[in-house]
Amino acid sequence: MWEPVGNLVPKSLHKAGISRAVSDALVCEEFDAIAKHILGGLASKCRAVYIKDRCLWVAVLSNSVSNELKMCEQDVLAALKERFGQNRVSGLRFMV
């Protein structure tokens, strides 16, 4: 008779047509947490913006931050794949 709220939320998001947008927002939020863990203080100089064609676009304040992220890209992608699955994000792109 009663259905758990945890089951209703995904159904409601899908029915409203916003499940992909919510998923994208969660990926961006998770990237920001991963960047803080990997980069420390430099994480304040980058922010995940959106996902397009399985690429996560990241705004950075300088080329040095994008270079640092590029060196850690495989670690970031591995953490995102662990959390969201293999086919969610395939690469990082940077906007300076």
Protein backbone atom coordinates (compact mmCIF):
# COMPACT_ATOMS: atom_id res chain seq x y z
CA MET A 1 0.00 0.00 0.00
CA TRP A 2 2.70 2.51 0.98
CA GLU A 3 5.74 3.01 -1.21
CA PRO A 4 9.02 4.31 0.25
CA VAL A 5 9.89 7.91 -0.61
CA GLY A 6 13.26 6.71 -1.94
CA ASN A 7 11.38 4.88 -4.69
CA LEU A 8 9.07 7.79 -5.49
CA VAL A 9 11.72 10.45 -6.06
CA PRO A 10 13.45 8.83 -9.08
CA LYS A 11 10.07 8.05 -10.64
CA SER A 12 8.91 11.64 -10.13
CA LEU A 13 12.11 13.08 -11.60
CA HIS A 14 11.80 10.85 -14.64
CA LYS A 15 8.12 11.68 -15.07
CA ALA A 16 8.90 15.41 -14.88
CA GLY A 17 11.66 15.01 -17.47
CA ILE A 18 14.39 16.41 -15.25
CA SER A 19 16.20 13.25 -14.20
CA ARG A 20 19.12 13.93 -16.59
CA ALA A 21 19.52 17.53 -15.34
CA VAL A 22 19.51 16.37 -11.72
CA SER A 23 22.07 13.69 -12.54
CA ASP A 24 24.28 16.27 -14.28
CA ALA A 25 24.09 18.54 -11.23
CA LEU A 26 25.10 15.65 -8.96
CA VAL A 27 28.10 14.86 -11.18
CA CYS A 28 29.21 18.51 -11.09
CA GLU A 29 28.83 18.60 -7.31
CA GLU A 30 30.83 15.39 -6.95
CA PHE A 31 33.59 16.76 -9.21
CA ASP A 32 33.90 19.80 -6.97
CA ALA A 33 34.35 17.52 -3.94
CA ILE A 34 36.91 15.37 -5.78
CA ALA A 35 38.82 18.47 -6.92
CA LYS A 36 38.93 19.74 -3.33
CA HIS A 37 40.35 16.41 -2.21
CA ILE A 38 42.95 16.24 -5.00
CA LEU A 39 43.92 19.90 -5.42
CA GLY A 40 43.41 21.24 -1.92
CA GLY A 41 43.44 25.05 -2.00
CA LEU A 42 43.56 25.20 -5.81
CA ALA A 43 40.07 23.69 -5.93
CA SER A 44 38.62 27.13 -5.24
CA LYS A 45 39.95 28.17 -8.66
CA CYS A 46 37.88 25.63 -10.63
CA ARG A 47 34.24 24.67 -10.87
CA ALA A 48 32.36 22.02 -12.85
CA VAL A 49 29.86 23.75 -15.12
CA TYR A 50 28.01 21.21 -17.25
CA ILE A 51 28.15 17.89 -19.10
CA LYS A 52 27.87 17.66 -22.86
CA ASP A 53 28.50 14.54 -24.96
CA ARG A 54 29.88 12.70 -21.91
CA CYS A 55 32.53 15.42 -21.34
CA LEU A 56 32.53 17.33 -18.09
CA TRP A 57 33.25 21.01 -18.75
CA VAL A 58 35.23 22.71 -15.99
CA ALA A 59 35.75 26.45 -15.64
CA VAL A 60 39.24 27.31 -14.40
CA LEU A 61 40.82 30.65 -13.53
CA SER A 62 44.21 29.93 -15.08
CA ASN A 63 46.10 27.54 -17.32
CA SER A 64 48.11 26.28 -14.36
CA VAL A 65 44.95 24.97 -12.70
CA SER A 66 43.84 23.24 -15.91
CA ASN A 67 47.32 21.69 -16.25
CA GLU A 68 47.14 20.41 -12.68
CA LEU A 69 43.70 18.92 -13.34
CA LYS A 70 44.88 17.40 -16.62
CA MET A 71 47.63 15.56 -14.75
CA CYS A 72 45.03 14.15 -12.32
CA GLU A 73 42.35 13.54 -14.97
CA GLN A 74 42.46 9.73 -14.78
CA ASP A 75 42.04 9.80 -11.00
CA VAL A 76 39.08 12.19 -11.30
CA LEU A 77 37.45 10.07 -14.00
CA ALA A 78 37.97 6.89 -11.99
CA ALA A 79 36.26 8.45 -8.97
CA LEU A 80 33.34 9.67 -11.10
CA LYS A 81 32.99 6.28 -12.79
CA GLU A 82 32.93 4.57 -9.41
CA ARG A 83 30.12 6.84 -8.23
CA PHE A 84 28.03 7.27 -11.41
CA GLY A 85 28.91 4.36 -13.67
CA GLN A 86 31.17 3.69 -16.61
CA ASN A 87 29.25 5.60 -19.28
CA ARG A 88 28.50 8.88 -17.51
CA VAL A 89 31.71 10.92 -18.00
CA SER A 90 34.47 10.06 -20.46
CA GLY A 91 36.69 13.13 -20.26
CA LEU A 92 37.31 16.62 -18.94
CA ARG A 93 37.30 19.85 -20.95
CA PHE A 94 38.51 23.16 -19.60
CA MET A 95 37.30 26.73 -20.03
CA VAL A 96 39.87 29.33 -19.07
